[in-house]
Amino acid sequence: MRLKDNPAYLNYRSGGGRTLYGEDVYVGYRYYDTVEIPPLFPFGHGLSYTTFSLSDLRVETPSDSELMVYTTVANTGDRAGAEVVQVYIAPVSSPINRPQKELKGFQKVYLLPSNDAVVSVPIDVVRATSFWDEHSDRWCSHVGTYTILVGTSSAGGFLEASFEVKKTTYWSGL
């Protein structure tokens, strides 16, 4: 809402011909979640001439490395329109500081008035739960419980489910 609320306000600078970014991964909705500042327009906010609702969240695990997230999207307005379903992953606990949630998948759907559709979003578990582990110089998918948050913007009002990562996995990113 104010320039001072922007994550780069105190961090954007240059020195010796190099631009330095002190925000780390805390940009956009990740920053606003962390400092608990409601943004004027949350990530995913859109202008539409109709309204939508989400329901019936279902998560299937075809394998230990993949999730399929399903939800029903209904056009509750009187005009046709499109909505983007966003899937965020949130670690319940983590060995490092991480954002409260991270966008890991999305799917756009176009619906006529009073129609609904089941939207599916595939999620690669290892990549969706990983962070860069500086000690091992590799990506790490840490064992534990993770929450799936499904909504239409980063602002909240999510449908929720959870899943378990059964073992810690390190990988090179290739």
N, C-alpha and C. Protein backbone atom coordinates (compact mmCIF):
# COMPACT_ATOMS: atom_id res chain seq x y z
N MET A 1 0.81 -1.19 0.00
CA MET A 1 0.00 0.00 0.00
C MET A 1 0.86 1.27 0.00
N ARG A 2 2.10 1.13 0.54
CA ARG A 2 3.05 2.24 0.56
C ARG A 2 4.36 1.76 -0.06
N LEU A 3 5.14 2.67 -0.58
CA LEU A 3 6.44 2.30 -1.14
C LEU A 3 7.30 1.60 -0.09
N LYS A 4 7.22 2.04 1.15
CA LYS A 4 8.01 1.44 2.22
C LYS A 4 7.61 -0.01 2.51
N ASP A 5 6.44 -0.43 2.08
CA ASP A 5 6.00 -1.81 2.28
C ASP A 5 6.63 -2.78 1.29
N ASN A 6 7.30 -2.26 0.27
CA ASN A 6 7.90 -3.10 -0.76
C ASN A 6 9.14 -3.80 -0.21
N PRO A 7 9.32 -5.10 -0.48
CA PRO A 7 10.48 -5.81 0.08
C PRO A 7 11.83 -5.26 -0.37
N ALA A 8 11.89 -4.60 -1.49
CA ALA A 8 13.16 -4.06 -1.99
C ALA A 8 13.46 -2.66 -1.45
N TYR A 9 12.55 -2.07 -0.69
CA TYR A 9 12.70 -0.68 -0.27
C TYR A 9 14.05 -0.42 0.42
N LEU A 10 14.44 -1.26 1.38
CA LEU A 10 15.71 -1.08 2.08
C LEU A 10 16.83 -1.95 1.51
N ASN A 11 16.51 -2.86 0.60
CA ASN A 11 17.48 -3.82 0.14
C ASN A 11 18.10 -3.53 -1.21
N TYR A 12 17.44 -2.79 -2.05
CA TYR A 12 17.96 -2.57 -3.40
C TYR A 12 19.05 -1.52 -3.35
N ARG A 13 20.24 -1.94 -3.68
CA ARG A 13 21.36 -1.01 -3.71
C ARG A 13 22.43 -1.59 -4.62
N SER A 14 23.45 -0.82 -4.86
CA SER A 14 24.56 -1.32 -5.65
C SER A 14 25.86 -0.89 -4.99
N GLY A 15 26.87 -1.66 -5.24
CA GLY A 15 28.18 -1.34 -4.69
C GLY A 15 29.26 -1.89 -5.60
N GLY A 16 30.20 -1.03 -5.99
CA GLY A 16 31.28 -1.47 -6.85
C GLY A 16 30.82 -2.00 -8.19
N GLY A 17 29.72 -1.40 -8.72
CA GLY A 17 29.21 -1.83 -10.02
C GLY A 17 28.36 -3.09 -9.96
N ARG A 18 28.11 -3.61 -8.77
CA ARG A 18 27.31 -4.81 -8.59
C ARG A 18 25.99 -4.45 -7.93
N THR A 19 24.90 -5.00 -8.41
CA THR A 19 23.60 -4.80 -7.77
C THR A 19 23.41 -5.88 -6.72
N LEU A 20 23.03 -5.46 -5.51
CA LEU A 20 22.85 -6.39 -4.40
C LEU A 20 21.37 -6.48 -4.05
N TYR A 21 20.91 -7.69 -3.86
CA TYR A 21 19.51 -7.92 -3.49
C TYR A 21 19.47 -8.62 -2.14
N GLY A 22 19.03 -7.92 -1.11
CA GLY A 22 19.02 -8.47 0.23
C GLY A 22 17.74 -9.18 0.62
N GLU A 23 16.76 -9.23 -0.29
CA GLU A 23 15.48 -9.83 0.06
C GLU A 23 15.52 -11.35 0.16
N ASP A 24 16.56 -11.96 -0.44
CA ASP A 24 16.66 -13.42 -0.50
C ASP A 24 15.44 -13.94 -1.26
N VAL A 25 14.76 -14.97 -0.76
CA VAL A 25 13.57 -15.50 -1.45
C VAL A 25 12.30 -14.78 -1.02
N TYR A 26 12.42 -13.79 -0.15
CA TYR A 26 11.25 -13.12 0.41
C TYR A 26 10.84 -11.92 -0.45
N VAL A 27 10.34 -12.22 -1.63
CA VAL A 27 9.79 -11.21 -2.53
C VAL A 27 8.33 -11.53 -2.76
N GLY A 28 7.57 -10.52 -3.17
CA GLY A 28 6.15 -10.73 -3.46
C GLY A 28 5.39 -11.24 -2.25
N TYR A 29 4.49 -12.18 -2.49
CA TYR A 29 3.62 -12.68 -1.41
C TYR A 29 4.43 -13.31 -0.27
N ARG A 30 5.62 -13.85 -0.56
CA ARG A 30 6.45 -14.47 0.49
C ARG A 30 6.86 -13.42 1.53
N TYR A 31 7.20 -12.23 1.06
CA TYR A 31 7.58 -11.14 1.96
C TYR A 31 6.38 -10.68 2.77
N TYR A 32 5.27 -10.42 2.11
CA TYR A 32 4.09 -9.90 2.80
C TYR A 32 3.56 -10.89 3.84
N ASP A 33 3.63 -12.18 3.54
CA ASP A 33 3.25 -13.20 4.54
C ASP A 33 4.16 -13.11 5.76
N THR A 34 5.47 -12.97 5.52
CA THR A 34 6.45 -12.99 6.60
C THR A 34 6.31 -11.79 7.52
N VAL A 35 6.13 -10.60 6.95
CA VAL A 35 6.03 -9.39 7.78
C VAL A 35 4.59 -9.04 8.15
N GLU A 36 3.66 -9.87 7.69
CA GLU A 36 2.23 -9.71 8.01
C GLU A 36 1.68 -8.34 7.61
N ILE A 37 2.02 -7.94 6.38
CA ILE A 37 1.47 -6.71 5.80
C ILE A 37 0.51 -7.12 4.70
N PRO A 38 -0.76 -6.77 4.80
CA PRO A 38 -1.68 -7.12 3.71
C PRO A 38 -1.39 -6.26 2.48
N PRO A 39 -1.10 -6.89 1.33
CA PRO A 39 -0.82 -6.10 0.13
C PRO A 39 -2.11 -5.50 -0.44
N LEU A 40 -1.95 -4.43 -1.18
CA LEU A 40 -3.09 -3.80 -1.82
C LEU A 40 -3.72 -4.76 -2.83
N PHE A 41 -2.88 -5.45 -3.61
CA PHE A 41 -3.35 -6.45 -4.58
C PHE A 41 -2.53 -7.71 -4.36
N PRO A 42 -3.10 -8.75 -3.72
CA PRO A 42 -2.34 -9.97 -3.48
C PRO A 42 -2.02 -10.70 -4.79
N PHE A 43 -0.97 -11.52 -4.74
CA PHE A 43 -0.58 -12.29 -5.91
C PHE A 43 -1.77 -13.14 -6.37
N GLY A 44 -2.11 -13.04 -7.65
CA GLY A 44 -3.25 -13.78 -8.19
C GLY A 44 -4.52 -12.97 -8.22
N HIS A 45 -4.49 -11.77 -7.61
CA HIS A 45 -5.67 -10.91 -7.64
C HIS A 45 -5.99 -10.57 -9.09
N GLY A 46 -7.22 -10.71 -9.45
CA GLY A 46 -7.61 -10.38 -10.81
C GLY A 46 -8.93 -9.67 -10.83
N LEU A 47 -9.19 -8.99 -11.89
CA LEU A 47 -10.47 -8.32 -12.07
C LEU A 47 -11.33 -9.20 -12.97
N SER A 48 -12.53 -9.46 -12.54
CA SER A 48 -13.41 -10.33 -13.30
C SER A 48 -14.82 -9.78 -13.21
N TYR A 49 -15.62 -10.13 -14.18
CA TYR A 49 -17.02 -9.71 -14.17
C TYR A 49 -17.90 -10.80 -13.60
N THR A 50 -17.28 -11.82 -13.01
CA THR A 50 -18.04 -12.90 -12.40
C THR A 50 -17.33 -13.35 -11.13
N THR A 51 -17.89 -14.31 -10.44
CA THR A 51 -17.32 -14.81 -9.19
C THR A 51 -17.17 -16.32 -9.28
N PHE A 52 -16.25 -16.85 -8.45
CA PHE A 52 -15.95 -18.27 -8.45
C PHE A 52 -15.87 -18.79 -7.03
N SER A 53 -16.06 -20.10 -6.89
CA SER A 53 -15.84 -20.74 -5.60
C SER A 53 -15.11 -22.06 -5.83
N LEU A 54 -14.34 -22.45 -4.82
CA LEU A 54 -13.62 -23.71 -4.85
C LEU A 54 -14.21 -24.65 -3.80
N SER A 55 -14.22 -25.95 -4.11
CA SER A 55 -14.72 -26.93 -3.15
C SER A 55 -14.13 -28.29 -3.48
N ASP A 56 -14.40 -29.25 -2.60
CA ASP A 56 -14.07 -30.66 -2.84
C ASP A 56 -12.60 -30.90 -3.16
N LEU A 57 -11.71 -30.43 -2.28
CA LEU A 57 -10.28 -30.68 -2.46
C LEU A 57 -10.00 -32.16 -2.25
N ARG A 58 -9.26 -32.74 -3.19
CA ARG A 58 -8.87 -34.15 -3.11
C ARG A 58 -7.41 -34.25 -3.55
N VAL A 59 -6.63 -35.02 -2.82
CA VAL A 59 -5.22 -35.23 -3.15
C VAL A 59 -4.98 -36.72 -3.31
N GLU A 60 -4.42 -37.09 -4.45
CA GLU A 60 -4.06 -38.49 -4.71
C GLU A 60 -2.55 -38.58 -4.86
N THR A 61 -2.01 -39.71 -4.45
CA THR A 61 -0.57 -39.94 -4.54
C THR A 61 -0.30 -41.15 -5.43
N PRO A 62 -0.19 -40.94 -6.74
CA PRO A 62 0.09 -42.05 -7.65
C PRO A 62 1.43 -42.72 -7.35
N SER A 63 2.37 -41.96 -6.77
CA SER A 63 3.68 -42.51 -6.38
C SER A 63 4.23 -41.65 -5.25
N ASP A 64 5.36 -42.09 -4.66
CA ASP A 64 5.99 -41.31 -3.59
C ASP A 64 6.52 -39.98 -4.10
N SER A 65 6.69 -39.86 -5.42
CA SER A 65 7.29 -38.65 -5.97
C SER A 65 6.29 -37.73 -6.66
N GLU A 66 5.00 -38.09 -6.67
CA GLU A 66 4.01 -37.26 -7.37
C GLU A 66 2.71 -37.17 -6.58
N LEU A 67 2.14 -35.98 -6.62
CA LEU A 67 0.80 -35.74 -6.07
C LEU A 67 -0.09 -35.24 -7.21
N MET A 68 -1.35 -35.58 -7.16
CA MET A 68 -2.35 -34.99 -8.05
C MET A 68 -3.34 -34.27 -7.15
N VAL A 69 -3.46 -32.97 -7.35
CA VAL A 69 -4.37 -32.15 -6.55
C VAL A 69 -5.59 -31.85 -7.41
N TYR A 70 -6.76 -32.18 -6.89
CA TYR A 70 -8.03 -31.96 -7.59
C TYR A 70 -8.92 -31.05 -6.76
N THR A 71 -9.60 -30.14 -7.42
CA THR A 71 -10.61 -29.32 -6.76
C THR A 71 -11.68 -28.95 -7.78
N THR A 72 -12.87 -28.70 -7.27
CA THR A 72 -13.97 -28.28 -8.13
C THR A 72 -14.05 -26.76 -8.11
N VAL A 73 -14.08 -26.17 -9.30
CA VAL A 73 -14.22 -24.72 -9.46
C VAL A 73 -15.61 -24.46 -10.02
N ALA A 74 -16.35 -23.58 -9.39
CA ALA A 74 -17.70 -23.24 -9.85
C ALA A 74 -17.78 -21.75 -10.18
N ASN A 75 -18.38 -21.44 -11.32
CA ASN A 75 -18.66 -20.06 -11.67
C ASN A 75 -20.00 -19.72 -11.01
N THR A 76 -19.94 -18.91 -9.97
CA THR A 76 -21.14 -18.58 -9.19
C THR A 76 -21.78 -17.28 -9.65
N GLY A 77 -21.24 -16.67 -10.69
CA GLY A 77 -21.79 -15.41 -11.19
C GLY A 77 -22.71 -15.62 -12.38
N ASP A 78 -23.07 -14.50 -13.02
CA ASP A 78 -24.00 -14.57 -14.14
C ASP A 78 -23.32 -14.29 -15.49
N ARG A 79 -21.99 -14.33 -15.53
CA ARG A 79 -21.24 -14.14 -16.78
C ARG A 79 -20.17 -15.22 -16.90
N ALA A 80 -19.76 -15.49 -18.11
CA ALA A 80 -18.66 -16.42 -18.34
C ALA A 80 -17.36 -15.77 -17.88
N GLY A 81 -16.39 -16.60 -17.47
CA GLY A 81 -15.12 -16.05 -17.04
C GLY A 81 -14.08 -17.12 -16.81
N ALA A 82 -12.87 -16.68 -16.55
CA ALA A 82 -11.75 -17.58 -16.30
C ALA A 82 -11.21 -17.35 -14.89
N GLU A 83 -10.73 -18.43 -14.27
CA GLU A 83 -10.12 -18.35 -12.94
C GLU A 83 -8.87 -19.21 -12.94
N VAL A 84 -7.88 -18.81 -12.15
CA VAL A 84 -6.65 -19.58 -12.01
C VAL A 84 -6.61 -20.19 -10.62
N VAL A 85 -6.57 -21.51 -10.57
CA VAL A 85 -6.45 -22.24 -9.31
C VAL A 85 -4.96 -22.33 -8.99
N GLN A 86 -4.59 -21.92 -7.78
CA GLN A 86 -3.19 -21.90 -7.37
C GLN A 86 -2.97 -22.93 -6.27
N VAL A 87 -1.88 -23.69 -6.37
CA VAL A 87 -1.53 -24.70 -5.37
C VAL A 87 -0.22 -24.27 -4.71
N TYR A 88 -0.30 -24.03 -3.40
CA TYR A 88 0.87 -23.67 -2.60
C TYR A 88 1.24 -24.84 -1.70
N ILE A 89 2.53 -24.96 -1.39
CA ILE A 89 3.02 -25.97 -0.46
C ILE A 89 3.64 -25.22 0.72
N ALA A 90 3.31 -25.68 1.93
CA ALA A 90 3.81 -25.05 3.16
C ALA A 90 4.39 -26.12 4.07
N PRO A 91 5.68 -26.01 4.44
CA PRO A 91 6.25 -26.98 5.38
C PRO A 91 5.68 -26.75 6.77
N VAL A 92 5.32 -27.82 7.47
CA VAL A 92 4.85 -27.69 8.85
C VAL A 92 6.02 -27.33 9.75
N SER A 93 7.18 -27.94 9.50
CA SER A 93 8.42 -27.56 10.18
C SER A 93 9.56 -27.73 9.18
N SER A 94 10.66 -27.03 9.43
CA SER A 94 11.77 -27.07 8.49
C SER A 94 13.08 -26.82 9.25
N PRO A 95 14.17 -27.43 8.78
CA PRO A 95 15.46 -27.19 9.44
C PRO A 95 16.04 -25.80 9.14
N ILE A 96 15.45 -25.06 8.20
CA ILE A 96 15.90 -23.71 7.87
C ILE A 96 14.69 -22.78 7.84
N ASN A 97 14.95 -21.47 7.83
CA ASN A 97 13.86 -20.51 7.66
C ASN A 97 13.37 -20.59 6.22
N ARG A 98 12.06 -20.73 6.06
CA ARG A 98 11.46 -20.81 4.73
C ARG A 98 10.23 -19.93 4.70
N PRO A 99 9.80 -19.53 3.49
CA PRO A 99 8.54 -18.79 3.39
C PRO A 99 7.39 -19.63 3.94
N GLN A 100 6.34 -18.95 4.38
CA GLN A 100 5.17 -19.65 4.94
C GLN A 100 4.53 -20.58 3.92
N LYS A 101 4.54 -20.17 2.66
CA LYS A 101 3.99 -20.99 1.58
C LYS A 101 4.70 -20.62 0.29
N GLU A 102 4.73 -21.58 -0.66
CA GLU A 102 5.35 -21.34 -1.95
C GLU A 102 4.46 -21.89 -3.05
N LEU A 103 4.23 -21.08 -4.08
CA LEU A 103 3.43 -21.52 -5.22
C LEU A 103 4.17 -22.62 -5.95
N LYS A 104 3.50 -23.76 -6.15
CA LYS A 104 4.14 -24.90 -6.81
C LYS A 104 3.37 -25.42 -8.02
N GLY A 105 2.17 -24.91 -8.25
CA GLY A 105 1.41 -25.33 -9.41
C GLY A 105 0.18 -24.47 -9.59
N PHE A 106 -0.35 -24.44 -10.81
CA PHE A 106 -1.56 -23.67 -11.08
C PHE A 106 -2.22 -24.21 -12.33
N GLN A 107 -3.49 -23.90 -12.47
CA GLN A 107 -4.25 -24.31 -13.66
C GLN A 107 -5.36 -23.30 -13.90
N LYS A 108 -5.50 -22.85 -15.13
CA LYS A 108 -6.54 -21.89 -15.50
C LYS A 108 -7.73 -22.65 -16.08
N VAL A 109 -8.92 -22.19 -15.71
CA VAL A 109 -10.15 -22.82 -16.22
C VAL A 109 -11.12 -21.73 -16.66
N TYR A 110 -11.80 -21.96 -17.77
CA TYR A 110 -12.81 -21.04 -18.30
C TYR A 110 -14.17 -21.69 -18.09
N LEU A 111 -15.10 -20.96 -17.49
CA LEU A 111 -16.41 -21.53 -17.19
C LEU A 111 -17.54 -20.58 -17.59
N LEU A 112 -18.59 -21.18 -18.10
CA LEU A 112 -19.83 -20.44 -18.36
C LEU A 112 -20.56 -20.22 -17.05
N PRO A 113 -21.51 -19.30 -17.00
CA PRO A 113 -22.25 -19.05 -15.76
C PRO A 113 -22.90 -20.33 -15.23
N SER A 114 -22.86 -20.49 -13.92
CA SER A 114 -23.47 -21.61 -13.20
C SER A 114 -22.85 -22.96 -13.54
N ASN A 115 -21.72 -22.99 -14.24
CA ASN A 115 -21.04 -24.25 -14.54
C ASN A 115 -19.91 -24.49 -13.56
N ASP A 116 -19.51 -25.75 -13.46
CA ASP A 116 -18.34 -26.08 -12.65
C ASP A 116 -17.49 -27.10 -13.39
N ALA A 117 -16.26 -27.27 -12.90
CA ALA A 117 -15.33 -28.22 -13.50
C ALA A 117 -14.35 -28.68 -12.44
N VAL A 118 -13.88 -29.90 -12.59
CA VAL A 118 -12.82 -30.40 -11.72
C VAL A 118 -11.49 -30.05 -12.38
N VAL A 119 -10.64 -29.37 -11.63
CA VAL A 119 -9.32 -28.97 -12.10
C VAL A 119 -8.30 -29.87 -11.44
N SER A 120 -7.32 -30.32 -12.23
CA SER A 120 -6.24 -31.15 -11.67
C SER A 120 -4.91 -30.44 -11.86
N VAL A 121 -4.08 -30.51 -10.82
CA VAL A 121 -2.75 -29.89 -10.86
C VAL A 121 -1.74 -30.93 -10.38
N PRO A 122 -0.81 -31.34 -11.27
CA PRO A 122 0.22 -32.29 -10.84
C PRO A 122 1.32 -31.57 -10.06
N ILE A 123 1.82 -32.23 -9.03
CA ILE A 123 2.88 -31.68 -8.20
C ILE A 123 4.00 -32.71 -8.07
N ASP A 124 5.21 -32.31 -8.44
CA ASP A 124 6.40 -33.14 -8.24
C ASP A 124 6.83 -32.93 -6.78
N VAL A 125 6.72 -33.97 -5.95
CA VAL A 125 6.94 -33.85 -4.51
C VAL A 125 8.36 -33.40 -4.18
N VAL A 126 9.37 -33.99 -4.80
CA VAL A 126 10.75 -33.65 -4.47
C VAL A 126 11.03 -32.18 -4.79
N ARG A 127 10.64 -31.73 -5.96
CA ARG A 127 10.91 -30.34 -6.33
C ARG A 127 10.05 -29.36 -5.53
N ALA A 128 8.83 -29.72 -5.23
CA ALA A 128 7.92 -28.82 -4.51
C ALA A 128 8.29 -28.65 -3.05
N THR A 129 9.03 -29.58 -2.48
CA THR A 129 9.39 -29.49 -1.06
C THR A 129 10.86 -29.13 -0.84
N SER A 130 11.61 -28.91 -1.91
CA SER A 130 13.06 -28.71 -1.79
C SER A 130 13.47 -27.28 -1.50
N PHE A 131 14.62 -27.18 -0.86
CA PHE A 131 15.30 -25.91 -0.64
C PHE A 131 16.78 -26.14 -0.91
N TRP A 132 17.54 -25.06 -1.16
CA TRP A 132 18.97 -25.19 -1.41
C TRP A 132 19.68 -25.33 -0.08
N ASP A 133 20.36 -26.46 0.11
CA ASP A 133 21.10 -26.74 1.34
C ASP A 133 22.56 -26.33 1.13
N GLU A 134 22.95 -25.23 1.74
CA GLU A 134 24.30 -24.70 1.54
C GLU A 134 25.38 -25.60 2.10
N HIS A 135 25.07 -26.37 3.15
CA HIS A 135 26.07 -27.26 3.75
C HIS A 135 26.45 -28.40 2.81
N SER A 136 25.48 -28.94 2.10
CA SER A 136 25.77 -30.06 1.20
C SER A 136 25.94 -29.61 -0.25
N ASP A 137 25.66 -28.33 -0.52
CA ASP A 137 25.77 -27.77 -1.87
C ASP A 137 24.86 -28.51 -2.86
N ARG A 138 23.67 -28.87 -2.36
CA ARG A 138 22.68 -29.58 -3.18
C ARG A 138 21.29 -29.16 -2.72
N TRP A 139 20.29 -29.54 -3.54
CA TRP A 139 18.90 -29.35 -3.15
C TRP A 139 18.52 -30.41 -2.15
N CYS A 140 17.62 -30.06 -1.22
CA CYS A 140 17.19 -31.00 -0.18
C CYS A 140 15.67 -30.99 -0.06
N SER A 141 15.07 -32.16 -0.17
CA SER A 141 13.66 -32.36 0.14
C SER A 141 13.64 -33.02 1.50
N HIS A 142 13.23 -32.27 2.51
CA HIS A 142 13.35 -32.71 3.90
C HIS A 142 12.15 -33.52 4.34
N VAL A 143 12.42 -34.57 5.11
CA VAL A 143 11.36 -35.42 5.66
C VAL A 143 10.40 -34.58 6.51
N GLY A 144 9.11 -34.92 6.48
CA GLY A 144 8.15 -34.23 7.33
C GLY A 144 6.79 -34.07 6.70
N THR A 145 5.96 -33.32 7.40
CA THR A 145 4.60 -33.04 6.96
C THR A 145 4.56 -31.70 6.24
N TYR A 146 3.81 -31.67 5.14
CA TYR A 146 3.63 -30.46 4.36
C TYR A 146 2.13 -30.22 4.16
N THR A 147 1.75 -28.96 4.15
CA THR A 147 0.36 -28.59 3.93
C THR A 147 0.18 -28.14 2.48
N ILE A 148 -0.91 -28.58 1.87
CA ILE A 148 -1.29 -28.13 0.53
C ILE A 148 -2.37 -27.07 0.72
N LEU A 149 -2.16 -25.91 0.14
CA LEU A 149 -3.11 -24.81 0.20
C LEU A 149 -3.58 -24.52 -1.22
N VAL A 150 -4.88 -24.58 -1.45
CA VAL A 150 -5.43 -24.35 -2.78
C VAL A 150 -6.37 -23.16 -2.72
N GLY A 151 -6.11 -22.17 -3.58
CA GLY A 151 -6.92 -20.96 -3.60
C GLY A 151 -6.82 -20.27 -4.95
N THR A 152 -7.32 -19.04 -5.00
CA THR A 152 -7.28 -18.27 -6.24
C THR A 152 -6.39 -17.04 -6.14
N SER A 153 -5.79 -16.81 -4.97
CA SER A 153 -4.77 -15.77 -4.80
C SER A 153 -3.97 -16.13 -3.56
N SER A 154 -2.92 -15.37 -3.32
CA SER A 154 -2.07 -15.63 -2.15
C SER A 154 -2.69 -15.11 -0.85
N ALA A 155 -3.85 -14.47 -0.93
CA ALA A 155 -4.43 -13.78 0.22
C ALA A 155 -5.09 -14.68 1.24
N GLY A 156 -5.37 -15.92 0.91
CA GLY A 156 -6.00 -16.78 1.91
C GLY A 156 -7.30 -17.35 1.41
N GLY A 157 -8.11 -17.85 2.35
CA GLY A 157 -9.35 -18.51 1.99
C GLY A 157 -9.07 -19.83 1.30
N PHE A 158 -8.04 -20.54 1.76
CA PHE A 158 -7.58 -21.74 1.09
C PHE A 158 -8.36 -22.99 1.52
N LEU A 159 -8.45 -23.94 0.59
CA LEU A 159 -8.79 -25.30 0.93
C LEU A 159 -7.48 -25.96 1.34
N GLU A 160 -7.50 -26.84 2.35
CA GLU A 160 -6.26 -27.40 2.87
C GLU A 160 -6.29 -28.91 2.93
N ALA A 161 -5.12 -29.50 2.71
CA ALA A 161 -4.88 -30.93 2.89
C ALA A 161 -3.41 -31.05 3.29
N SER A 162 -2.95 -32.26 3.58
CA SER A 162 -1.54 -32.43 3.92
C SER A 162 -1.01 -33.73 3.34
N PHE A 163 0.31 -33.84 3.31
CA PHE A 163 0.97 -35.05 2.85
C PHE A 163 2.29 -35.18 3.59
N GLU A 164 2.86 -36.38 3.54
CA GLU A 164 4.11 -36.68 4.22
C GLU A 164 5.21 -36.96 3.21
N VAL A 165 6.39 -36.43 3.49
CA VAL A 165 7.61 -36.84 2.80
C VAL A 165 8.27 -37.82 3.75
N LYS A 166 8.46 -39.06 3.30
CA LYS A 166 8.89 -40.14 4.18
C LYS A 166 10.39 -40.18 4.44
N LYS A 167 11.19 -39.63 3.51
CA LYS A 167 12.64 -39.63 3.72
C LYS A 167 13.25 -38.38 3.10
N THR A 168 14.35 -37.93 3.69
CA THR A 168 15.07 -36.78 3.16
C THR A 168 15.82 -37.20 1.91
N THR A 169 15.71 -36.37 0.86
CA THR A 169 16.37 -36.64 -0.41
C THR A 169 17.22 -35.45 -0.80
N TYR A 170 18.46 -35.72 -1.23
CA TYR A 170 19.33 -34.68 -1.76
C TYR A 170 19.47 -34.91 -3.26
N TRP A 171 19.52 -33.82 -4.03
CA TRP A 171 19.66 -33.95 -5.47
C TRP A 171 20.39 -32.74 -6.03
N SER A 172 20.94 -32.89 -7.22
CA SER A 172 21.81 -31.86 -7.79
C SER A 172 21.08 -30.79 -8.57
N GLY A 173 19.84 -31.01 -8.91
CA GLY A 173 19.10 -30.04 -9.71
C GLY A 173 19.16 -30.31 -11.19
N LEU A 174 19.86 -31.32 -11.58
CA LEU A 174 19.95 -31.66 -13.00
C LEU A 174 18.99 -32.77 -13.37
